[in-house]
Amino acid sequence: MAIEESLRALEMRVDASREHWLLFAGTLVFSMQGGFTMLEAGAVSAKNTQSIMLKNLFDASLAALLWWAVGQGFAYEGGSS
């Protein structure tokens, strides 16, 4: 009985650490979008900077929506059961 409880507790910790890693890695990848924006804004003339920033904002927003709609199901293997 005690071994089963310990295994269940360990399994919960493993699941929690997987979720934490996924959120942490996703945050890092999402934050890289700001770096790409600065890199691209520095590579174009001043008159095109606003359009580059708007393009990157659109790209980040679309990526977040697609993750919510499609990617989360793949990452969590089909939902919350």
PDB file of N, CA and C in Angstrom:
ATOM      1  N   MET A   1       0.817  -1.200   0.000  1.00  0.00           N
ATOM      2  CA  MET A   1       0.000   0.000   0.000  1.00  0.00           C
ATOM      3  C   MET A   1       0.865   1.271   0.000  1.00  0.00           C
ATOM      4  N   ALA A   2       1.893   1.301   0.821  1.00  0.00           N
ATOM      5  CA  ALA A   2       2.748   2.484   0.889  1.00  0.00           C
ATOM      6  C   ALA A   2       3.544   2.650  -0.402  1.00  0.00           C
ATOM      7  N   ILE A   3       3.930   1.541  -1.011  1.00  0.00           N
ATOM      8  CA  ILE A   3       4.691   1.610  -2.259  1.00  0.00           C
ATOM      9  C   ILE A   3       3.817   2.177  -3.371  1.00  0.00           C
ATOM     10  N   GLU A   4       2.559   1.764  -3.423  1.00  0.00           N
ATOM     11  CA  GLU A   4       1.656   2.287  -4.455  1.00  0.00           C
ATOM     12  C   GLU A   4       1.440   3.779  -4.292  1.00  0.00           C
ATOM     13  N   GLU A   5       1.313   4.234  -3.053  1.00  0.00           N
ATOM     14  CA  GLU A   5       1.143   5.669  -2.809  1.00  0.00           C
ATOM     15  C   GLU A   5       2.397   6.435  -3.209  1.00  0.00           C
ATOM     16  N   SER A   6       3.556   5.861  -2.910  1.00  0.00           N
ATOM     17  CA  SER A   6       4.809   6.516  -3.297  1.00  0.00           C
ATOM     18  C   SER A   6       4.945   6.590  -4.812  1.00  0.00           C
ATOM     19  N   LEU A   7       4.569   5.526  -5.488  1.00  0.00           N
ATOM     20  CA  LEU A   7       4.629   5.531  -6.953  1.00  0.00           C
ATOM     21  C   LEU A   7       3.665   6.539  -7.550  1.00  0.00           C
ATOM     22  N   ARG A   8       2.479   6.645  -6.975  1.00  0.00           N
ATOM     23  CA  ARG A   8       1.513   7.632  -7.452  1.00  0.00           C
ATOM     24  C   ARG A   8       2.029   9.057  -7.242  1.00  0.00           C
ATOM     25  N   ALA A   9       2.638   9.296  -6.073  1.00  0.00           N
ATOM     26  CA  ALA A   9       3.193  10.625  -5.797  1.00  0.00           C
ATOM     27  C   ALA A   9       4.337  10.946  -6.753  1.00  0.00           C
ATOM     28  N   LEU A  10       5.175   9.939  -7.032  1.00  0.00           N
ATOM     29  CA  LEU A  10       6.272  10.140  -7.968  1.00  0.00           C
ATOM     30  C   LEU A  10       5.752  10.422  -9.370  1.00  0.00           C
ATOM     31  N   GLU A  11       4.726   9.721  -9.777  1.00  0.00           N
ATOM     32  CA  GLU A  11       4.138   9.938 -11.098  1.00  0.00           C
ATOM     33  C   GLU A  11       3.553  11.339 -11.213  1.00  0.00           C
ATOM     34  N   MET A  12       2.936  11.821 -10.153  1.00  0.00           N
ATOM     35  CA  MET A  12       2.397  13.184 -10.171  1.00  0.00           C
ATOM     36  C   MET A  12       3.517  14.200 -10.312  1.00  0.00           C
ATOM     37  N   ARG A  13       4.653  13.966  -9.624  1.00  0.00           N
ATOM     38  CA  ARG A  13       5.780  14.888  -9.729  1.00  0.00           C
ATOM     39  C   ARG A  13       6.378  14.882 -11.126  1.00  0.00           C
ATOM     40  N   VAL A  14       6.458  13.714 -11.719  1.00  0.00           N
ATOM     41  CA  VAL A  14       6.992  13.623 -13.085  1.00  0.00           C
ATOM     42  C   VAL A  14       6.081  14.378 -14.047  1.00  0.00           C
ATOM     43  N   ASP A  15       4.773  14.196 -13.902  1.00  0.00           N
ATOM     44  CA  ASP A  15       3.833  14.925 -14.757  1.00  0.00           C
ATOM     45  C   ASP A  15       3.964  16.425 -14.561  1.00  0.00           C
ATOM     46  N   ALA A  16       4.098  16.850 -13.311  1.00  0.00           N
ATOM     47  CA  ALA A  16       4.235  18.284 -13.029  1.00  0.00           C
ATOM     48  C   ALA A  16       5.530  18.837 -13.623  1.00  0.00           C
ATOM     49  N   SER A  17       6.606  18.064 -13.536  1.00  0.00           N
ATOM     50  CA  SER A  17       7.871  18.550 -14.093  1.00  0.00           C
ATOM     51  C   SER A  17       7.811  18.607 -15.613  1.00  0.00           C
ATOM     52  N   ARG A  18       7.100  17.687 -16.248  1.00  0.00           N
ATOM     53  CA  ARG A  18       6.934  17.749 -17.705  1.00  0.00           C
ATOM     54  C   ARG A  18       6.148  18.985 -18.110  1.00  0.00           C
ATOM     55  N   GLU A  19       5.081  19.274 -17.388  1.00  0.00           N
ATOM     56  CA  GLU A  19       4.291  20.466 -17.701  1.00  0.00           C
ATOM     57  C   GLU A  19       5.104  21.728 -17.477  1.00  0.00           C
ATOM     58  N   HIS A  20       5.882  21.743 -16.393  1.00  0.00           N
ATOM     59  CA  HIS A  20       6.716  22.915 -16.121  1.00  0.00           C
ATOM     60  C   HIS A  20       7.719  23.122 -17.241  1.00  0.00           C
ATOM     61  N   TRP A  21       8.387  22.059 -17.668  1.00  0.00           N
ATOM     62  CA  TRP A  21       9.370  22.177 -18.739  1.00  0.00           C
ATOM     63  C   TRP A  21       8.713  22.664 -20.029  1.00  0.00           C
ATOM     64  N   LEU A  22       7.538  22.149 -20.335  1.00  0.00           N
ATOM     65  CA  LEU A  22       6.854  22.558 -21.552  1.00  0.00           C
ATOM     66  C   LEU A  22       6.505  24.041 -21.505  1.00  0.00           C
ATOM     67  N   LEU A  23       6.018  24.513 -20.375  1.00  0.00           N
ATOM     68  CA  LEU A  23       5.687  25.940 -20.252  1.00  0.00           C
ATOM     69  C   LEU A  23       6.946  26.809 -20.295  1.00  0.00           C
ATOM     70  N   PHE A  24       7.989  26.360 -19.634  1.00  0.00           N
ATOM     71  CA  PHE A  24       9.242  27.119 -19.617  1.00  0.00           C
ATOM     72  C   PHE A  24       9.843  27.218 -21.017  1.00  0.00           C
ATOM     73  N   ALA A  25       9.925  26.091 -21.712  1.00  0.00           N
ATOM     74  CA  ALA A  25      10.488  26.091 -23.056  1.00  0.00           C
ATOM     75  C   ALA A  25       9.624  26.906 -24.014  1.00  0.00           C
ATOM     76  N   GLY A  26       8.307  26.799 -23.881  1.00  0.00           N
ATOM     77  CA  GLY A  26       7.408  27.591 -24.716  1.00  0.00           C
ATOM     78  C   GLY A  26       7.571  29.077 -24.478  1.00  0.00           C
ATOM     79  N   THR A  27       7.767  29.452 -23.221  1.00  0.00           N
ATOM     80  CA  THR A  27       7.983  30.860 -22.898  1.00  0.00           C
ATOM     81  C   THR A  27       9.279  31.368 -23.514  1.00  0.00           C
ATOM     82  N   LEU A  28      10.324  30.560 -23.454  1.00  0.00           N
ATOM     83  CA  LEU A  28      11.590  30.973 -24.064  1.00  0.00           C
ATOM     84  C   LEU A  28      11.454  31.139 -25.573  1.00  0.00           C
ATOM     85  N   VAL A  29      10.806  30.195 -26.210  1.00  0.00           N
ATOM     86  CA  VAL A  29      10.631  30.278 -27.663  1.00  0.00           C
ATOM     87  C   VAL A  29       9.773  31.486 -28.028  1.00  0.00           C
ATOM     88  N   PHE A  30       8.705  31.715 -27.277  1.00  0.00           N
ATOM     89  CA  PHE A  30       7.837  32.849 -27.544  1.00  0.00           C
ATOM     90  C   PHE A  30       8.576  34.164 -27.316  1.00  0.00           C
ATOM     91  N   SER A  31       9.458  34.196 -26.319  1.00  0.00           N
ATOM     92  CA  SER A  31      10.221  35.411 -26.028  1.00  0.00           C
ATOM     93  C   SER A  31      11.261  35.709 -27.103  1.00  0.00           C
ATOM     94  N   MET A  32      11.696  34.695 -27.815  1.00  0.00           N
ATOM     95  CA  MET A  32      12.655  34.924 -28.899  1.00  0.00           C
ATOM     96  C   MET A  32      12.065  35.796 -29.990  1.00  0.00           C
ATOM     97  N   GLN A  33      10.758  35.862 -30.073  1.00  0.00           N
ATOM     98  CA  GLN A  33      10.113  36.684 -31.095  1.00  0.00           C
ATOM     99  C   GLN A  33      10.514  38.150 -30.942  1.00  0.00           C
ATOM    100  N   GLY A  34      10.671  38.603 -29.700  1.00  0.00           N
ATOM    101  CA  GLY A  34      11.134  39.979 -29.472  1.00  0.00           C
ATOM    102  C   GLY A  34      12.537  40.210 -30.013  1.00  0.00           C
ATOM    103  N   GLY A  35      13.403  39.212 -29.839  1.00  0.00           N
ATOM    104  CA  GLY A  35      14.758  39.316 -30.383  1.00  0.00           C
ATOM    105  C   GLY A  35      14.764  39.352 -31.899  1.00  0.00           C
ATOM    106  N   PHE A  36      13.926  38.534 -32.505  1.00  0.00           N
ATOM    107  CA  PHE A  36      13.820  38.556 -33.961  1.00  0.00           C
ATOM    108  C   PHE A  36      13.301  39.910 -34.435  1.00  0.00           C
ATOM    109  N   THR A  37      12.376  40.477 -33.700  1.00  0.00           N
ATOM    110  CA  THR A  37      11.846  41.792 -34.062  1.00  0.00           C
ATOM    111  C   THR A  37      12.949  42.837 -34.047  1.00  0.00           C
ATOM    112  N   MET A  38      13.757  42.845 -32.988  1.00  0.00           N
ATOM    113  CA  MET A  38      14.841  43.825 -32.894  1.00  0.00           C
ATOM    114  C   MET A  38      15.893  43.608 -33.988  1.00  0.00           C
ATOM    115  N   LEU A  39      16.188  42.343 -34.266  1.00  0.00           N
ATOM    116  CA  LEU A  39      17.153  42.046 -35.324  1.00  0.00           C
ATOM    117  C   LEU A  39      16.654  42.540 -36.679  1.00  0.00           C
ATOM    118  N   GLU A  40      15.405  42.244 -36.994  1.00  0.00           N
ATOM    119  CA  GLU A  40      14.859  42.670 -38.281  1.00  0.00           C
ATOM    120  C   GLU A  40      14.687  44.178 -38.350  1.00  0.00           C
ATOM    121  N   ALA A  41      14.305  44.805 -37.238  1.00  0.00           N
ATOM    122  CA  ALA A  41      14.130  46.256 -37.239  1.00  0.00           C
ATOM    123  C   ALA A  41      15.463  46.968 -37.450  1.00  0.00           C
ATOM    124  N   GLY A  42      16.538  46.370 -36.971  1.00  0.00           N
ATOM    125  CA  GLY A  42      17.858  46.960 -37.174  1.00  0.00           C
ATOM    126  C   GLY A  42      18.400  46.746 -38.572  1.00  0.00           C
ATOM    127  N   ALA A  43      17.827  45.798 -39.288  1.00  0.00           N
ATOM    128  CA  ALA A  43      18.333  45.473 -40.618  1.00  0.00           C
ATOM    129  C   ALA A  43      17.610  46.216 -41.738  1.00  0.00           C
ATOM    130  N   VAL A  44      16.547  46.937 -41.409  1.00  0.00           N
ATOM    131  CA  VAL A  44      15.791  47.655 -42.433  1.00  0.00           C
ATOM    132  C   VAL A  44      15.879  49.150 -42.171  1.00  0.00           C
ATOM    133  N   SER A  45      15.434  49.922 -43.141  1.00  0.00           N
ATOM    134  CA  SER A  45      15.456  51.375 -42.955  1.00  0.00           C
ATOM    135  C   SER A  45      14.391  51.793 -41.942  1.00  0.00           C
ATOM    136  N   ALA A  46      14.519  52.988 -41.435  1.00  0.00           N
ATOM    137  CA  ALA A  46      13.641  53.468 -40.371  1.00  0.00           C
ATOM    138  C   ALA A  46      12.177  53.507 -40.806  1.00  0.00           C
ATOM    139  N   LYS A  47      11.922  53.774 -42.075  1.00  0.00           N
ATOM    140  CA  LYS A  47      10.531  53.861 -42.524  1.00  0.00           C
ATOM    141  C   LYS A  47       9.850  52.492 -42.542  1.00  0.00           C
ATOM    142  N   ASN A  48      10.615  51.400 -42.598  1.00  0.00           N
ATOM    143  CA  ASN A  48      10.029  50.056 -42.624  1.00  0.00           C
ATOM    144  C   ASN A  48       9.964  49.388 -41.251  1.00  0.00           C
ATOM    145  N   THR A  49      10.452  50.046 -40.222  1.00  0.00           N
ATOM    146  CA  THR A  49      10.501  49.445 -38.891  1.00  0.00           C
ATOM    147  C   THR A  49       9.114  49.124 -38.359  1.00  0.00           C
ATOM    148  N   GLN A  50       8.169  50.020 -38.552  1.00  0.00           N
ATOM    149  CA  GLN A  50       6.819  49.791 -38.043  1.00  0.00           C
ATOM    150  C   GLN A  50       6.176  48.568 -38.700  1.00  0.00           C
ATOM    151  N   SER A  51       6.375  48.401 -39.981  1.00  0.00           N
ATOM    152  CA  SER A  51       5.775  47.246 -40.654  1.00  0.00           C
ATOM    153  C   SER A  51       6.437  45.944 -40.204  1.00  0.00           C
ATOM    154  N   ILE A  52       7.735  45.969 -39.930  1.00  0.00           N
ATOM    155  CA  ILE A  52       8.422  44.779 -39.425  1.00  0.00           C
ATOM    156  C   ILE A  52       7.880  44.414 -38.040  1.00  0.00           C
ATOM    157  N   MET A  53       7.699  45.416 -37.195  1.00  0.00           N
ATOM    158  CA  MET A  53       7.182  45.141 -35.854  1.00  0.00           C
ATOM    159  C   MET A  53       5.750  44.619 -35.909  1.00  0.00           C
ATOM    160  N   LEU A  54       4.949  45.171 -36.794  1.00  0.00           N
ATOM    161  CA  LEU A  54       3.579  44.697 -36.946  1.00  0.00           C
ATOM    162  C   LEU A  54       3.549  43.273 -37.490  1.00  0.00           C
ATOM    163  N   LYS A  55       4.432  42.968 -38.429  1.00  0.00           N
ATOM    164  CA  LYS A  55       4.528  41.612 -38.968  1.00  0.00           C
ATOM    165  C   LYS A  55       4.892  40.613 -37.880  1.00  0.00           C
ATOM    166  N   ASN A  56       5.841  40.977 -37.021  1.00  0.00           N
ATOM    167  CA  ASN A  56       6.250  40.073 -35.948  1.00  0.00           C
ATOM    168  C   ASN A  56       5.174  39.940 -34.875  1.00  0.00           C
ATOM    169  N   LEU A  57       4.430  40.999 -34.617  1.00  0.00           N
ATOM    170  CA  LEU A  57       3.315  40.900 -33.679  1.00  0.00           C
ATOM    171  C   LEU A  57       2.244  39.963 -34.228  1.00  0.00           C
ATOM    172  N   PHE A  58       1.954  40.100 -35.514  1.00  0.00           N
ATOM    173  CA  PHE A  58       0.990  39.207 -36.152  1.00  0.00           C
ATOM    174  C   PHE A  58       1.476  37.760 -36.120  1.00  0.00           C
ATOM    175  N   ASP A  59       2.753  37.560 -36.385  1.00  0.00           N
ATOM    176  CA  ASP A  59       3.341  36.220 -36.372  1.00  0.00           C
ATOM    177  C   ASP A  59       3.239  35.584 -34.982  1.00  0.00           C
ATOM    178  N   ALA A  60       3.558  36.332 -33.939  1.00  0.00           N
ATOM    179  CA  ALA A  60       3.472  35.809 -32.578  1.00  0.00           C
ATOM    180  C   ALA A  60       2.023  35.524 -32.185  1.00  0.00           C
ATOM    181  N   SER A  61       1.117  36.397 -32.571  1.00  0.00           N
ATOM    182  CA  SER A  61      -0.301  36.184 -32.252  1.00  0.00           C
ATOM    183  C   SER A  61      -0.858  34.961 -32.970  1.00  0.00           C
ATOM    184  N   LEU A  62      -0.504  34.812 -34.224  1.00  0.00           N
ATOM    185  CA  LEU A  62      -0.964  33.652 -34.978  1.00  0.00           C
ATOM    186  C   LEU A  62      -0.388  32.356 -34.405  1.00  0.00           C
ATOM    187  N   ALA A  63       0.871  32.385 -34.024  1.00  0.00           N
ATOM    188  CA  ALA A  63       1.495  31.199 -33.431  1.00  0.00           C
ATOM    189  C   ALA A  63       0.816  30.822 -32.117  1.00  0.00           C
ATOM    190  N   ALA A  64       0.477  31.813 -31.293  1.00  0.00           N
ATOM    191  CA  ALA A  64      -0.196  31.530 -30.027  1.00  0.00           C
ATOM    192  C   ALA A  64      -1.587  30.941 -30.265  1.00  0.00           C
ATOM    193  N   LEU A  65      -2.307  31.478 -31.225  1.00  0.00           N
ATOM    194  CA  LEU A  65      -3.640  30.948 -31.523  1.00  0.00           C
ATOM    195  C   LEU A  65      -3.582  29.540 -32.099  1.00  0.00           C
ATOM    196  N   LEU A  66      -2.613  29.289 -32.976  1.00  0.00           N
ATOM    197  CA  LEU A  66      -2.474  27.950 -33.538  1.00  0.00           C
ATOM    198  C   LEU A  66      -2.049  26.943 -32.474  1.00  0.00           C
ATOM    199  N   TRP A  67      -1.201  27.386 -31.542  1.00  0.00           N
ATOM    200  CA  TRP A  67      -0.827  26.490 -30.442  1.00  0.00           C
ATOM    201  C   TRP A  67      -2.063  26.137 -29.627  1.00  0.00           C
ATOM    202  N   TRP A  68      -2.863  27.132 -29.316  1.00  0.00           N
ATOM    203  CA  TRP A  68      -4.068  26.900 -28.525  1.00  0.00           C
ATOM    204  C   TRP A  68      -5.033  25.969 -29.261  1.00  0.00           C
ATOM    205  N   ALA A  69      -5.177  26.169 -30.562  1.00  0.00           N
ATOM    206  CA  ALA A  69      -6.156  25.402 -31.330  1.00  0.00           C
ATOM    207  C   ALA A  69      -5.671  23.996 -31.682  1.00  0.00           C
ATOM    208  N   VAL A  70      -4.383  23.841 -31.974  1.00  0.00           N
ATOM    209  CA  VAL A  70      -3.901  22.564 -32.512  1.00  0.00           C
ATOM    210  C   VAL A  70      -2.792  21.956 -31.655  1.00  0.00           C
ATOM    211  N   GLY A  71      -1.786  22.716 -31.356  1.00  0.00           N
ATOM    212  CA  GLY A  71      -0.579  22.181 -30.734  1.00  0.00           C
ATOM    213  C   GLY A  71      -0.764  21.612 -29.357  1.00  0.00           C
ATOM    214  N   GLN A  72      -1.644  22.187 -28.578  1.00  0.00           N
ATOM    215  CA  GLN A  72      -1.851  21.712 -27.212  1.00  0.00           C
ATOM    216  C   GLN A  72      -2.376  20.286 -27.192  1.00  0.00           C
ATOM    217  N   GLY A  73      -3.221  19.931 -28.152  1.00  0.00           N
ATOM    218  CA  GLY A  73      -3.715  18.564 -28.232  1.00  0.00           C
ATOM    219  C   GLY A  73      -2.620  17.558 -28.497  1.00  0.00           C
ATOM    220  N   PHE A  74      -1.649  17.939 -29.330  1.00  0.00           N
ATOM    221  CA  PHE A  74      -0.513  17.049 -29.584  1.00  0.00           C
ATOM    222  C   PHE A  74       0.404  16.958 -28.371  1.00  0.00           C
ATOM    223  N   ALA A  75       0.619  18.098 -27.716  1.00  0.00           N
ATOM    224  CA  ALA A  75       1.543  18.116 -26.575  1.00  0.00           C
ATOM    225  C   ALA A  75       0.989  17.334 -25.398  1.00  0.00           C
ATOM    226  N   TYR A  76      -0.293  17.407 -25.184  1.00  0.00           N
ATOM    227  CA  TYR A  76      -0.897  16.715 -24.044  1.00  0.00           C
ATOM    228  C   TYR A  76      -1.619  15.458 -24.455  1.00  0.00           C
ATOM    229  N   GLU A  77      -1.330  14.953 -25.619  1.00  0.00           N
ATOM    230  CA  GLU A  77      -1.845  13.677 -26.120  1.00  0.00           C
ATOM    231  C   GLU A  77      -3.362  13.590 -26.116  1.00  0.00           C
ATOM    232  N   GLY A  78      -4.008  14.596 -26.632  1.00  0.00           N
ATOM    233  CA  GLY A  78      -5.430  14.496 -26.898  1.00  0.00           C
ATOM    234  C   GLY A  78      -6.389  15.068 -25.892  1.00  0.00           C
ATOM    235  N   GLY A  79      -5.922  15.727 -24.853  1.00  0.00           N
ATOM    236  CA  GLY A  79      -6.900  16.394 -23.995  1.00  0.00           C
ATOM    237  C   GLY A  79      -6.760  16.090 -22.531  1.00  0.00           C
ATOM    238  N   SER A  80      -7.824  16.338 -21.797  1.00  0.00           N
ATOM    239  CA  SER A  80      -7.788  16.243 -20.327  1.00  0.00           C
ATOM    240  C   SER A  80      -8.685  15.113 -19.864  1.00  0.00           C
ATOM    241  N   SER A  81      -8.139  13.926 -19.836  1.00  0.00           N
ATOM    242  CA  SER A  81      -8.925  12.800 -19.340  1.00  0.00           C
ATOM    243  C   SER A  81      -8.323  12.226 -18.087  1.00  0.00           C
TER     244      SER A  81
END
